[in-house]
Amino acid sequence: MRQEAAVNFDPFAVPVERSDDVTQAGGFGLGIVTVPMWSVPTEYFNKYRNLAMGILATGAGCGIFLFPRLFVHCIEQYSWRGSMLINAGVTLHLVVCGALMSPSENANNTHSRKHTYRQLFKTDKLFFFAIGCFCWAGSGQVFYQMMPTFAWHNEVKRTDIVWITSAVGLTDICARLLAALLNHTVAKEHTVFLYASAVFLDALSIFTLTLCSSLATFILDGMFFGFAFGMMMGSHGASAFDVFGFQQFPDAIGVGMFAASIGGLSIPLIAGILGDRYGIVWTFRFAAAVAATGSINVFTLAVRKRLTPPPAENSLQSKRNTFQRRQSSTMQML
């Protein structure tokens, strides 16, 4: 709701110097929405959990691809104030969506949640996971923010840059859906390795961007990046659940998204400073190095999980949750 308030008041924020306050309020609301968005599906899906979280990520990818183009048209037709009102109306549907959500019986054990919350910060798993989120979020922001400028420096027309962004968006959507299917089928036991591989491909795609010099090569690299980023986001939720389990998942996702927001704020700033001093190519070389660092952390997490057997109490808790769901379904039928 705080996000909705920010978006609704934005058209009337006439002083430009106040727009930062509005943006911060909108970001605060978006941060509150993010954790329930990832956590709620884990409470309602067991067999198809990975598929559900992958489809959830695919929906986000569709929004990223469609809405910027939609609101460019709205700005041309209704001015930026009118487009922000439309944006507020669309985003207001989150309130309806949130009102329809209700916690399942699996989330009602408060004592167990407090216990796992303390345990979460005592393990190094959270550190590796948060560093991975920090790195891929920051490097991804560098690509999205500075790729158009780099293409323009290579004499790509501004009107043609939309083809590059469209290639990124379409492959991103397809890759998220592919990740959902893989995490549900052949990669069900290897979700963290798939996630780590996607982060590595993300680093490689950012580095190969420095080799581009024409519209065709930028489109190909954009498709490469979109595939890597889509596979990464499509595997993000499933891998986090695989590592932290049902009880710790909401807290782990919250910490991961906090680290991602810090990375998205700081990494582009540092990359921009390097680009101004040593040339724009070093902007993407630095971002690629950051993403590679993130992939190392996630690979470490994957190996650690592979070598460490799951605690007996986690499997017992899973059995209890399954029994409670079946008992609840039986009572409803009666």
C-alpha atoms as a PDB file:
ATOM      1  CA  MET A   1       0.000   0.000   0.000  1.00  0.00           C
ATOM      2  CA  ARG A   2       2.906   2.349   0.656  1.00  0.00           C
ATOM      3  CA  GLN A   3       4.041   1.722  -2.898  1.00  0.00           C
ATOM      4  CA  GLU A   4       0.565   2.527  -4.164  1.00  0.00           C
ATOM      5  CA  ALA A   5       0.524   5.767  -2.219  1.00  0.00           C
ATOM      6  CA  ALA A   6       3.851   6.752  -3.726  1.00  0.00           C
ATOM      7  CA  VAL A   7       2.711   6.005  -7.252  1.00  0.00           C
ATOM      8  CA  ASN A   8      -0.641   7.727  -6.816  1.00  0.00           C
ATOM      9  CA  PHE A   9       0.866  10.939  -5.438  1.00  0.00           C
ATOM     10  CA  ASP A  10       3.668  11.022  -8.003  1.00  0.00           C
ATOM     11  CA  PRO A  11       1.658  12.830 -10.741  1.00  0.00           C
ATOM     12  CA  PHE A  12       0.946  15.665  -8.300  1.00  0.00           C
ATOM     13  CA  ALA A  13       4.555  15.960  -7.086  1.00  0.00           C
ATOM     14  CA  VAL A  14       5.187  19.134  -9.068  1.00  0.00           C
ATOM     15  CA  PRO A  15       8.575  20.087  -7.504  1.00  0.00           C
ATOM     16  CA  VAL A  16      11.159  17.892  -9.219  1.00  0.00           C
ATOM     17  CA  GLU A  17      13.381  17.941  -6.121  1.00  0.00           C
ATOM     18  CA  ARG A  18      10.678  15.978  -4.258  1.00  0.00           C
ATOM     19  CA  SER A  19      10.664  13.122  -6.776  1.00  0.00           C
ATOM     20  CA  ASP A  20      13.472  11.329  -4.880  1.00  0.00           C
ATOM     21  CA  ASP A  21      11.242  11.079  -1.800  1.00  0.00           C
ATOM     22  CA  VAL A  22       8.426   9.608  -3.890  1.00  0.00           C
ATOM     23  CA  THR A  23      10.776   7.101  -5.504  1.00  0.00           C
ATOM     24  CA  GLN A  24      12.108   6.037  -2.101  1.00  0.00           C
ATOM     25  CA  ALA A  25       8.580   5.466  -0.822  1.00  0.00           C
ATOM     26  CA  GLY A  26       7.784   3.402  -3.905  1.00  0.00           C
ATOM     27  CA  GLY A  27      10.920   1.341  -3.385  1.00  0.00           C
ATOM     28  CA  PHE A  28       9.944   0.775   0.243  1.00  0.00           C
ATOM     29  CA  GLY A  29       6.572  -0.580  -0.843  1.00  0.00           C
ATOM     30  CA  LEU A  30       8.129  -2.762  -3.517  1.00  0.00           C
ATOM     31  CA  GLY A  31      10.504  -4.222  -0.940  1.00  0.00           C
ATOM     32  CA  ILE A  32       7.572  -5.190   1.281  1.00  0.00           C
ATOM     33  CA  VAL A  33       5.803  -6.864  -1.644  1.00  0.00           C
ATOM     34  CA  THR A  34       8.822  -8.913  -2.757  1.00  0.00           C
ATOM     35  CA  VAL A  35       9.166 -11.311   0.181  1.00  0.00           C
ATOM     36  CA  PRO A  36       5.488 -12.416   0.321  1.00  0.00           C
ATOM     37  CA  MET A  37       5.544 -12.771  -3.463  1.00  0.00           C
ATOM     38  CA  TRP A  38       8.215 -15.472  -3.153  1.00  0.00           C
ATOM     39  CA  SER A  39       7.096 -16.962   0.171  1.00  0.00           C
ATOM     40  CA  VAL A  40       3.371 -17.562  -0.343  1.00  0.00           C
ATOM     41  CA  PRO A  41       3.706 -20.104  -3.215  1.00  0.00           C
ATOM     42  CA  THR A  42       5.970 -22.294  -1.082  1.00  0.00           C
ATOM     43  CA  GLU A  43       3.138 -22.726   1.429  1.00  0.00           C
ATOM     44  CA  TYR A  44       0.628 -24.002  -1.132  1.00  0.00           C
ATOM     45  CA  PHE A  45       2.736 -26.113  -3.473  1.00  0.00           C
ATOM     46  CA  ASN A  46       4.669 -29.235  -2.610  1.00  0.00           C
ATOM     47  CA  LYS A  47       5.073 -31.455  -5.663  1.00  0.00           C
ATOM     48  CA  TYR A  48       4.953 -28.545  -8.130  1.00  0.00           C
ATOM     49  CA  ARG A  49       6.759 -25.984  -5.954  1.00  0.00           C
ATOM     50  CA  ASN A  50       9.729 -25.417  -8.278  1.00  0.00           C
ATOM     51  CA  LEU A  51       7.431 -25.104 -11.263  1.00  0.00           C
ATOM     52  CA  ALA A  52       5.217 -22.610  -9.445  1.00  0.00           C
ATOM     53  CA  MET A  53       8.125 -20.386  -8.426  1.00  0.00           C
ATOM     54  CA  GLY A  54       9.530 -20.527 -11.954  1.00  0.00           C
ATOM     55  CA  ILE A  55       6.204 -19.464 -13.445  1.00  0.00           C
ATOM     56  CA  LEU A  56       6.088 -16.678 -10.864  1.00  0.00           C
ATOM     57  CA  ALA A  57       9.467 -15.451 -12.117  1.00  0.00           C
ATOM     58  CA  THR A  58       8.218 -15.732 -15.711  1.00  0.00           C
ATOM     59  CA  GLY A  59       5.332 -13.408 -14.912  1.00  0.00           C
ATOM     60  CA  ALA A  60       7.778 -10.863 -13.557  1.00  0.00           C
ATOM     61  CA  GLY A  61       9.805 -11.146 -16.753  1.00  0.00           C
ATOM     62  CA  CYS A  62       6.716 -10.504 -18.863  1.00  0.00           C
ATOM     63  CA  GLY A  63       5.991  -7.374 -16.845  1.00  0.00           C
ATOM     64  CA  ILE A  64       9.556  -6.121 -17.273  1.00  0.00           C
ATOM     65  CA  PHE A  65       9.308  -6.643 -21.022  1.00  0.00           C
ATOM     66  CA  LEU A  66       5.815  -5.274 -21.664  1.00  0.00           C
ATOM     67  CA  PHE A  67       5.234  -2.397 -19.279  1.00  0.00           C
ATOM     68  CA  PRO A  68       8.107  -0.095 -20.282  1.00  0.00           C
ATOM     69  CA  ARG A  69       6.895  -0.181 -23.878  1.00  0.00           C
ATOM     70  CA  LEU A  70       3.300   0.301 -22.769  1.00  0.00           C
ATOM     71  CA  PHE A  71       4.121   3.353 -20.687  1.00  0.00           C
ATOM     72  CA  VAL A  72       6.219   4.928 -23.426  1.00  0.00           C
ATOM     73  CA  HIS A  73       3.012   4.916 -25.452  1.00  0.00           C
ATOM     74  CA  CYS A  74       1.031   6.226 -22.473  1.00  0.00           C
ATOM     75  CA  ILE A  75       3.481   9.110 -22.007  1.00  0.00           C
ATOM     76  CA  GLU A  76       3.066  10.079 -25.654  1.00  0.00           C
ATOM     77  CA  GLN A  77      -0.718   9.944 -25.420  1.00  0.00           C
ATOM     78  CA  TYR A  78      -1.471  11.154 -21.872  1.00  0.00           C
ATOM     79  CA  SER A  79       1.770  12.882 -20.725  1.00  0.00           C
ATOM     80  CA  TRP A  80       3.959  11.551 -17.911  1.00  0.00           C
ATOM     81  CA  ARG A  81       1.388  12.562 -15.283  1.00  0.00           C
ATOM     82  CA  GLY A  82      -1.369  10.564 -16.929  1.00  0.00           C
ATOM     83  CA  SER A  83       0.950   7.599 -17.438  1.00  0.00           C
ATOM     84  CA  MET A  84       1.793   7.593 -13.741  1.00  0.00           C
ATOM     85  CA  LEU A  85      -1.910   7.512 -12.869  1.00  0.00           C
ATOM     86  CA  ILE A  86      -2.332   4.500 -15.151  1.00  0.00           C
ATOM     87  CA  ASN A  87       0.736   2.935 -13.531  1.00  0.00           C
ATOM     88  CA  ALA A  88      -0.825   3.506 -10.114  1.00  0.00           C
ATOM     89  CA  GLY A  89      -4.071   1.851 -11.202  1.00  0.00           C
ATOM     90  CA  VAL A  90      -2.263  -1.195 -12.571  1.00  0.00           C
ATOM     91  CA  THR A  91      -0.055  -1.548  -9.504  1.00  0.00           C
ATOM     92  CA  LEU A  92      -3.082  -1.125  -7.222  1.00  0.00           C
ATOM     93  CA  HIS A  93      -4.092  -4.646  -8.216  1.00  0.00           C
ATOM     94  CA  LEU A  94      -1.368  -5.824  -5.821  1.00  0.00           C
ATOM     95  CA  VAL A  95      -3.633  -4.767  -2.972  1.00  0.00           C
ATOM     96  CA  VAL A  96      -6.404  -7.039  -4.280  1.00  0.00           C
ATOM     97  CA  CYS A  97      -3.914  -9.841  -4.816  1.00  0.00           C
ATOM     98  CA  GLY A  98      -2.578  -9.426  -1.285  1.00  0.00           C
ATOM     99  CA  ALA A  99      -6.090  -9.405   0.170  1.00  0.00           C
ATOM    100  CA  LEU A 100      -6.784 -12.768  -1.462  1.00  0.00           C
ATOM    101  CA  MET A 101      -3.695 -14.360   0.045  1.00  0.00           C
ATOM    102  CA  SER A 102      -4.043 -16.232   3.313  1.00  0.00           C
ATOM    103  CA  PRO A 103      -1.368 -18.138   5.249  1.00  0.00           C
ATOM    104  CA  SER A 104      -1.632 -21.898   5.216  1.00  0.00           C
ATOM    105  CA  GLU A 105      -1.455 -24.063   8.299  1.00  0.00           C
ATOM    106  CA  ASN A 106       2.218 -24.754   7.543  1.00  0.00           C
ATOM    107  CA  ALA A 107       3.160 -21.158   8.456  1.00  0.00           C
ATOM    108  CA  ASN A 108       1.475 -21.018  11.843  1.00  0.00           C
ATOM    109  CA  ASN A 109       4.266 -22.494  13.989  1.00  0.00           C
ATOM    110  CA  THR A 110       5.666 -19.236  15.403  1.00  0.00           C
ATOM    111  CA  HIS A 111       8.002 -20.902  17.893  1.00  0.00           C
ATOM    112  CA  SER A 112       9.634 -22.960  15.157  1.00  0.00           C
ATOM    113  CA  ARG A 113      10.022 -19.876  12.933  1.00  0.00           C
ATOM    114  CA  LYS A 114      11.845 -17.971  15.700  1.00  0.00           C
ATOM    115  CA  HIS A 115      14.131 -20.929  16.282  1.00  0.00           C
ATOM    116  CA  THR A 116      15.061 -21.253  12.602  1.00  0.00           C
ATOM    117  CA  TYR A 117      15.517 -17.485  12.340  1.00  0.00           C
ATOM    118  CA  ARG A 118      18.296 -17.652  14.934  1.00  0.00           C
ATOM    119  CA  GLN A 119      19.877 -20.648  13.240  1.00  0.00           C
ATOM    120  CA  LEU A 120      19.839 -18.927   9.841  1.00  0.00           C
ATOM    121  CA  PHE A 121      22.299 -16.228  10.863  1.00  0.00           C
ATOM    122  CA  LYS A 122      24.649 -18.741  12.475  1.00  0.00           C
ATOM    123  CA  THR A 123      25.451 -20.549   9.209  1.00  0.00           C
ATOM    124  CA  ASP A 124      27.655 -19.513   6.306  1.00  0.00           C
ATOM    125  CA  LYS A 125      24.974 -20.523   3.808  1.00  0.00           C
ATOM    126  CA  LEU A 126      23.266 -17.181   4.161  1.00  0.00           C
ATOM    127  CA  PHE A 127      26.558 -15.362   3.526  1.00  0.00           C
ATOM    128  CA  PHE A 128      27.215 -17.177   0.233  1.00  0.00           C
ATOM    129  CA  PHE A 129      23.609 -16.723  -0.866  1.00  0.00           C
ATOM    130  CA  ALA A 130      23.534 -13.005  -0.039  1.00  0.00           C
ATOM    131  CA  ILE A 131      26.860 -12.311  -1.768  1.00  0.00           C
ATOM    132  CA  GLY A 132      25.567 -14.086  -4.858  1.00  0.00           C
ATOM    133  CA  CYS A 133      22.433 -11.905  -4.873  1.00  0.00           C
ATOM    134  CA  PHE A 134      24.527  -8.788  -4.314  1.00  0.00           C
ATOM    135  CA  CYS A 135      26.763  -9.593  -7.285  1.00  0.00           C
ATOM    136  CA  TRP A 136      24.213 -10.627  -9.908  1.00  0.00           C
ATOM    137  CA  ALA A 137      21.870  -7.762  -9.063  1.00  0.00           C
ATOM    138  CA  GLY A 138      24.619  -5.159  -9.316  1.00  0.00           C
ATOM    139  CA  SER A 139      26.107  -6.527 -12.531  1.00  0.00           C
ATOM    140  CA  GLY A 140      22.662  -6.904 -14.090  1.00  0.00           C
ATOM    141  CA  GLN A 141      21.869  -3.274 -13.330  1.00  0.00           C
ATOM    142  CA  VAL A 142      25.090  -2.244 -15.056  1.00  0.00           C
ATOM    143  CA  PHE A 143      24.062  -4.109 -18.200  1.00  0.00           C
ATOM    144  CA  TYR A 144      20.510  -2.751 -18.267  1.00  0.00           C
ATOM    145  CA  GLN A 145      21.506   0.833 -17.485  1.00  0.00           C
ATOM    146  CA  MET A 146      24.682   1.247 -19.531  1.00  0.00           C
ATOM    147  CA  MET A 147      24.287  -1.105 -22.482  1.00  0.00           C
ATOM    148  CA  PRO A 148      22.256   1.448 -24.524  1.00  0.00           C
ATOM    149  CA  THR A 149      24.993   4.049 -24.013  1.00  0.00           C
ATOM    150  CA  PHE A 150      27.677   1.572 -25.070  1.00  0.00           C
ATOM    151  CA  ALA A 151      25.682   0.638 -28.170  1.00  0.00           C
ATOM    152  CA  TRP A 152      25.258   4.296 -29.053  1.00  0.00           C
ATOM    153  CA  HIS A 153      29.033   4.794 -28.695  1.00  0.00           C
ATOM    154  CA  ASN A 154      29.434   2.022 -31.271  1.00  0.00           C
ATOM    155  CA  GLU A 155      27.289   3.981 -33.752  1.00  0.00           C
ATOM    156  CA  VAL A 156      24.110   1.992 -33.189  1.00  0.00           C
ATOM    157  CA  LYS A 157      21.134   4.251 -33.830  1.00  0.00           C
ATOM    158  CA  ARG A 158      19.038   5.137 -30.822  1.00  0.00           C
ATOM    159  CA  THR A 159      15.942   3.927 -32.666  1.00  0.00           C
ATOM    160  CA  ASP A 160      17.598   0.519 -33.190  1.00  0.00           C
ATOM    161  CA  ILE A 161      18.454   0.041 -29.509  1.00  0.00           C
ATOM    162  CA  VAL A 162      14.855  -1.057 -28.928  1.00  0.00           C
ATOM    163  CA  TRP A 163      15.643  -4.183 -30.954  1.00  0.00           C
ATOM    164  CA  ILE A 164      18.418  -5.034 -28.511  1.00  0.00           C
ATOM    165  CA  THR A 165      16.220  -4.551 -25.454  1.00  0.00           C
ATOM    166  CA  SER A 166      13.432  -6.551 -27.105  1.00  0.00           C
ATOM    167  CA  ALA A 167      15.862  -9.416 -27.730  1.00  0.00           C
ATOM    168  CA  VAL A 168      16.911  -9.300 -24.073  1.00  0.00           C
ATOM    169  CA  GLY A 169      13.306  -9.283 -22.858  1.00  0.00           C
ATOM    170  CA  LEU A 170      12.020 -12.107 -25.065  1.00  0.00           C
ATOM    171  CA  THR A 171      14.894 -14.476 -24.316  1.00  0.00           C
ATOM    172  CA  ASP A 172      14.608 -13.584 -20.628  1.00  0.00           C
ATOM    173  CA  ILE A 173      10.961 -14.683 -20.566  1.00  0.00           C
ATOM    174  CA  CYS A 174      11.655 -17.933 -22.442  1.00  0.00           C
ATOM    175  CA  ALA A 175      14.629 -18.733 -20.197  1.00  0.00           C
ATOM    176  CA  ARG A 176      12.611 -18.215 -17.011  1.00  0.00           C
ATOM    177  CA  LEU A 177       9.990 -20.643 -18.247  1.00  0.00           C
ATOM    178  CA  LEU A 178      12.693 -23.120 -19.276  1.00  0.00           C
ATOM    179  CA  ALA A 179      14.271 -22.856 -15.815  1.00  0.00           C
ATOM    180  CA  ALA A 180      10.885 -23.585 -14.237  1.00  0.00           C
ATOM    181  CA  LEU A 181      10.532 -26.751 -16.309  1.00  0.00           C
ATOM    182  CA  LEU A 182      14.106 -27.884 -15.665  1.00  0.00           C
ATOM    183  CA  ASN A 183      13.857 -27.324 -11.902  1.00  0.00           C
ATOM    184  CA  HIS A 184      10.654 -29.354 -11.883  1.00  0.00           C
ATOM    185  CA  THR A 185      12.066 -32.256 -13.925  1.00  0.00           C
ATOM    186  CA  VAL A 186      15.681 -33.137 -14.754  1.00  0.00           C
ATOM    187  CA  ALA A 187      17.332 -30.529 -12.494  1.00  0.00           C
ATOM    188  CA  LYS A 188      15.061 -31.049  -9.500  1.00  0.00           C
ATOM    189  CA  GLU A 189      17.951 -32.328  -7.382  1.00  0.00           C
ATOM    190  CA  HIS A 190      20.452 -29.833  -8.808  1.00  0.00           C
ATOM    191  CA  THR A 191      18.669 -26.486  -8.604  1.00  0.00           C
ATOM    192  CA  VAL A 192      21.606 -24.712  -6.943  1.00  0.00           C
ATOM    193  CA  PHE A 193      24.048 -25.889  -9.612  1.00  0.00           C
ATOM    194  CA  LEU A 194      21.676 -24.637 -12.307  1.00  0.00           C
ATOM    195  CA  TYR A 195      21.418 -21.314 -10.495  1.00  0.00           C
ATOM    196  CA  ALA A 196      25.213 -21.038 -10.187  1.00  0.00           C
ATOM    197  CA  SER A 197      25.715 -21.939 -13.854  1.00  0.00           C
ATOM    198  CA  ALA A 198      23.262 -19.218 -14.861  1.00  0.00           C
ATOM    199  CA  VAL A 199      25.152 -16.625 -12.782  1.00  0.00           C
ATOM    200  CA  PHE A 200      28.398 -17.664 -14.495  1.00  0.00           C
ATOM    201  CA  LEU A 201      26.781 -17.338 -17.933  1.00  0.00           C
ATOM    202  CA  ASP A 202      25.530 -13.931 -16.849  1.00  0.00           C
ATOM    203  CA  ALA A 203      29.132 -12.868 -16.140  1.00  0.00           C
ATOM    204  CA  LEU A 204      30.287 -14.255 -19.481  1.00  0.00           C
ATOM    205  CA  SER A 205      27.551 -12.439 -21.405  1.00  0.00           C
ATOM    206  CA  ILE A 206      28.472  -9.118 -19.791  1.00  0.00           C
ATOM    207  CA  PHE A 207      32.132  -9.631 -20.691  1.00  0.00           C
ATOM    208  CA  THR A 208      31.363 -10.550 -24.315  1.00  0.00           C
ATOM    209  CA  LEU A 209      29.372  -7.315 -24.597  1.00  0.00           C
ATOM    210  CA  THR A 210      32.717  -5.493 -24.709  1.00  0.00           C
ATOM    211  CA  LEU A 211      33.476  -7.299 -27.986  1.00  0.00           C
ATOM    212  CA  CYS A 212      30.319  -6.052 -29.735  1.00  0.00           C
ATOM    213  CA  SER A 213      30.620  -3.428 -32.469  1.00  0.00           C
ATOM    214  CA  SER A 214      27.470  -3.669 -34.602  1.00  0.00           C
ATOM    215  CA  LEU A 215      23.721  -3.943 -34.187  1.00  0.00           C
ATOM    216  CA  ALA A 216      23.737  -7.670 -34.994  1.00  0.00           C
ATOM    217  CA  THR A 217      26.401  -8.481 -32.413  1.00  0.00           C
ATOM    218  CA  PHE A 218      24.605  -6.404 -29.780  1.00  0.00           C
ATOM    219  CA  ILE A 219      21.371  -8.293 -30.479  1.00  0.00           C
ATOM    220  CA  LEU A 220      23.143 -11.658 -30.198  1.00  0.00           C
ATOM    221  CA  ASP A 221      24.819 -10.696 -26.955  1.00  0.00           C
ATOM    222  CA  GLY A 222      21.526  -9.294 -25.677  1.00  0.00           C
ATOM    223  CA  MET A 223      19.926 -12.680 -26.325  1.00  0.00           C
ATOM    224  CA  PHE A 224      22.839 -14.346 -24.513  1.00  0.00           C
ATOM    225  CA  PHE A 225      22.419 -12.069 -21.509  1.00  0.00           C
ATOM    226  CA  GLY A 226      18.634 -12.439 -21.512  1.00  0.00           C
ATOM    227  CA  PHE A 227      18.957 -16.225 -21.512  1.00  0.00           C
ATOM    228  CA  ALA A 228      21.485 -16.205 -18.657  1.00  0.00           C
ATOM    229  CA  PHE A 229      19.555 -13.680 -16.569  1.00  0.00           C
ATOM    230  CA  GLY A 230      16.257 -15.470 -17.169  1.00  0.00           C
ATOM    231  CA  MET A 231      17.691 -18.847 -16.176  1.00  0.00           C
ATOM    232  CA  MET A 232      19.119 -17.236 -13.063  1.00  0.00           C
ATOM    233  CA  MET A 233      15.869 -15.607 -11.981  1.00  0.00           C
ATOM    234  CA  GLY A 234      13.867 -18.704 -12.870  1.00  0.00           C
ATOM    235  CA  SER A 235      16.116 -20.777 -10.578  1.00  0.00           C
ATOM    236  CA  HIS A 236      16.476 -18.230  -7.792  1.00  0.00           C
ATOM    237  CA  GLY A 237      13.455 -19.239  -5.712  1.00  0.00           C
ATOM    238  CA  ALA A 238      13.820 -22.996  -6.225  1.00  0.00           C
ATOM    239  CA  SER A 239      17.507 -22.983  -5.276  1.00  0.00           C
ATOM    240  CA  ALA A 240      16.857 -20.863  -2.166  1.00  0.00           C
ATOM    241  CA  PHE A 241      14.155 -23.265  -1.011  1.00  0.00           C
ATOM    242  CA  ASP A 242      16.425 -26.215  -1.748  1.00  0.00           C
ATOM    243  CA  VAL A 243      19.184 -24.738   0.434  1.00  0.00           C
ATOM    244  CA  PHE A 244      17.240 -23.225   3.338  1.00  0.00           C
ATOM    245  CA  GLY A 245      14.062 -25.289   3.526  1.00  0.00           C
ATOM    246  CA  PHE A 246      10.487 -24.313   4.270  1.00  0.00           C
ATOM    247  CA  GLN A 247      10.999 -22.598   7.621  1.00  0.00           C
ATOM    248  CA  GLN A 248      14.026 -20.484   6.713  1.00  0.00           C
ATOM    249  CA  PHE A 249      13.016 -19.638   3.143  1.00  0.00           C
ATOM    250  CA  PRO A 250      11.160 -16.331   3.794  1.00  0.00           C
ATOM    251  CA  ASP A 251      13.986 -14.946   5.922  1.00  0.00           C
ATOM    252  CA  ALA A 252      16.638 -16.074   3.435  1.00  0.00           C
ATOM    253  CA  ILE A 253      14.766 -14.523   0.500  1.00  0.00           C
ATOM    254  CA  GLY A 254      14.362 -11.288   2.451  1.00  0.00           C
ATOM    255  CA  VAL A 255      18.084 -11.083   3.233  1.00  0.00           C
ATOM    256  CA  GLY A 256      18.915 -11.999  -0.372  1.00  0.00           C
ATOM    257  CA  MET A 257      16.687  -9.275  -1.782  1.00  0.00           C
ATOM    258  CA  PHE A 258      18.177  -6.766   0.647  1.00  0.00           C
ATOM    259  CA  ALA A 259      21.664  -7.700  -0.558  1.00  0.00           C
ATOM    260  CA  ALA A 260      20.445  -7.452  -4.169  1.00  0.00           C
ATOM    261  CA  SER A 261      19.132  -3.941  -3.581  1.00  0.00           C
ATOM    262  CA  ILE A 262      22.473  -2.878  -2.073  1.00  0.00           C
ATOM    263  CA  GLY A 263      24.272  -4.375  -5.060  1.00  0.00           C
ATOM    264  CA  GLY A 264      21.949  -2.647  -7.498  1.00  0.00           C
ATOM    265  CA  LEU A 265      22.706   0.648  -5.772  1.00  0.00           C
ATOM    266  CA  SER A 266      26.490   0.405  -5.361  1.00  0.00           C
ATOM    267  CA  ILE A 267      27.864  -1.668  -8.246  1.00  0.00           C
ATOM    268  CA  PRO A 268      26.570   0.603 -11.063  1.00  0.00           C
ATOM    269  CA  LEU A 269      28.007   3.607  -9.227  1.00  0.00           C
ATOM    270  CA  ILE A 270      31.468   2.046  -9.006  1.00  0.00           C
ATOM    271  CA  ALA A 271      31.235   0.781 -12.589  1.00  0.00           C
ATOM    272  CA  GLY A 272      30.302   4.260 -13.784  1.00  0.00           C
ATOM    273  CA  ILE A 273      33.295   5.808 -12.021  1.00  0.00           C
ATOM    274  CA  LEU A 274      35.611   3.249 -13.638  1.00  0.00           C
ATOM    275  CA  GLY A 275      34.014   3.919 -17.015  1.00  0.00           C
ATOM    276  CA  ASP A 276      34.543   7.666 -16.712  1.00  0.00           C
ATOM    277  CA  ARG A 277      38.185   7.211 -15.745  1.00  0.00           C
ATOM    278  CA  TYR A 278      39.346   4.312 -17.935  1.00  0.00           C
ATOM    279  CA  GLY A 279      36.718   4.044 -20.686  1.00  0.00           C
ATOM    280  CA  ILE A 280      33.240   2.566 -20.909  1.00  0.00           C
ATOM    281  CA  VAL A 281      34.603  -0.904 -21.690  1.00  0.00           C
ATOM    282  CA  TRP A 282      35.922  -1.144 -18.129  1.00  0.00           C
ATOM    283  CA  THR A 283      32.399  -0.560 -16.871  1.00  0.00           C
ATOM    284  CA  PHE A 284      31.345  -3.939 -18.225  1.00  0.00           C
ATOM    285  CA  ARG A 285      34.619  -5.674 -17.392  1.00  0.00           C
ATOM    286  CA  PHE A 286      34.126  -4.699 -13.778  1.00  0.00           C
ATOM    287  CA  ALA A 287      30.488  -5.856 -13.855  1.00  0.00           C
ATOM    288  CA  ALA A 288      31.552  -9.173 -15.385  1.00  0.00           C
ATOM    289  CA  ALA A 289      34.131  -9.646 -12.631  1.00  0.00           C
ATOM    290  CA  VAL A 290      31.478  -8.925 -10.001  1.00  0.00           C
ATOM    291  CA  ALA A 291      29.083 -11.446 -11.556  1.00  0.00           C
ATOM    292  CA  ALA A 292      31.881 -14.038 -11.729  1.00  0.00           C
ATOM    293  CA  THR A 293      32.498 -13.481  -8.017  1.00  0.00           C
ATOM    294  CA  GLY A 294      28.807 -14.117  -7.406  1.00  0.00           C
ATOM    295  CA  SER A 295      28.944 -17.357  -9.389  1.00  0.00           C
ATOM    296  CA  ILE A 296      31.900 -18.552  -7.283  1.00  0.00           C
ATOM    297  CA  ASN A 297      29.883 -17.953  -4.122  1.00  0.00           C
ATOM    298  CA  VAL A 298      26.847 -19.772  -5.474  1.00  0.00           C
ATOM    299  CA  PHE A 299      28.961 -22.689  -6.730  1.00  0.00           C
ATOM    300  CA  THR A 300      30.490 -22.890  -3.240  1.00  0.00           C
ATOM    301  CA  LEU A 301      26.983 -23.008  -1.808  1.00  0.00           C
ATOM    302  CA  ALA A 302      26.035 -25.760  -4.248  1.00  0.00           C
ATOM    303  CA  VAL A 303      29.082 -27.887  -3.404  1.00  0.00           C
ATOM    304  CA  ARG A 304      28.533 -27.328   0.299  1.00  0.00           C
ATOM    305  CA  LYS A 305      24.939 -28.459   0.016  1.00  0.00           C
ATOM    306  CA  ARG A 306      25.954 -31.487  -2.042  1.00  0.00           C
ATOM    307  CA  LEU A 307      28.498 -32.635   0.530  1.00  0.00           C
ATOM    308  CA  THR A 308      26.327 -31.919   3.575  1.00  0.00           C
ATOM    309  CA  PRO A 309      23.406 -34.308   4.228  1.00  0.00           C
ATOM    310  CA  PRO A 310      20.109 -32.653   5.127  1.00  0.00           C
ATOM    311  CA  PRO A 311      19.377 -32.508   8.870  1.00  0.00           C
ATOM    312  CA  ALA A 312      17.051 -35.186  10.142  1.00  0.00           C
ATOM    313  CA  GLU A 313      14.804 -32.585  11.754  1.00  0.00           C
ATOM    314  CA  ASN A 314      14.183 -30.936   8.387  1.00  0.00           C
ATOM    315  CA  SER A 315      12.931 -34.165   6.842  1.00  0.00           C
ATOM    316  CA  LEU A 316      10.814 -34.788   9.940  1.00  0.00           C
ATOM    317  CA  GLN A 317       9.331 -31.304   9.649  1.00  0.00           C
ATOM    318  CA  SER A 318       8.559 -31.959   5.976  1.00  0.00           C
ATOM    319  CA  LYS A 319       6.765 -35.166   6.896  1.00  0.00           C
ATOM    320  CA  ARG A 320       4.778 -33.310   9.563  1.00  0.00           C
ATOM    321  CA  ASN A 321       3.778 -30.620   7.064  1.00  0.00           C
ATOM    322  CA  THR A 322       2.654 -33.245   4.557  1.00  0.00           C
ATOM    323  CA  PHE A 323       0.641 -35.038   7.243  1.00  0.00           C
ATOM    324  CA  GLN A 324      -1.007 -31.776   8.330  1.00  0.00           C
ATOM    325  CA  ARG A 325      -1.993 -30.931   4.753  1.00  0.00           C
ATOM    326  CA  ARG A 326      -3.486 -34.363   4.208  1.00  0.00           C
ATOM    327  CA  GLN A 327      -5.319 -34.220   7.539  1.00  0.00           C
ATOM    328  CA  SER A 328      -6.705 -30.769   6.692  1.00  0.00           C
ATOM    329  CA  SER A 329      -7.876 -31.966   3.271  1.00  0.00           C
ATOM    330  CA  THR A 330      -9.566 -34.994   4.842  1.00  0.00           C
ATOM    331  CA  MET A 331     -11.392 -32.823   7.393  1.00  0.00           C
ATOM    332  CA  GLN A 332     -12.607 -30.482   4.664  1.00  0.00           C
ATOM    333  CA  MET A 333     -13.947 -33.405   2.654  1.00  0.00           C
ATOM    334  CA  LEU A 334     -15.787 -34.717   5.706  1.00  0.00           C
END
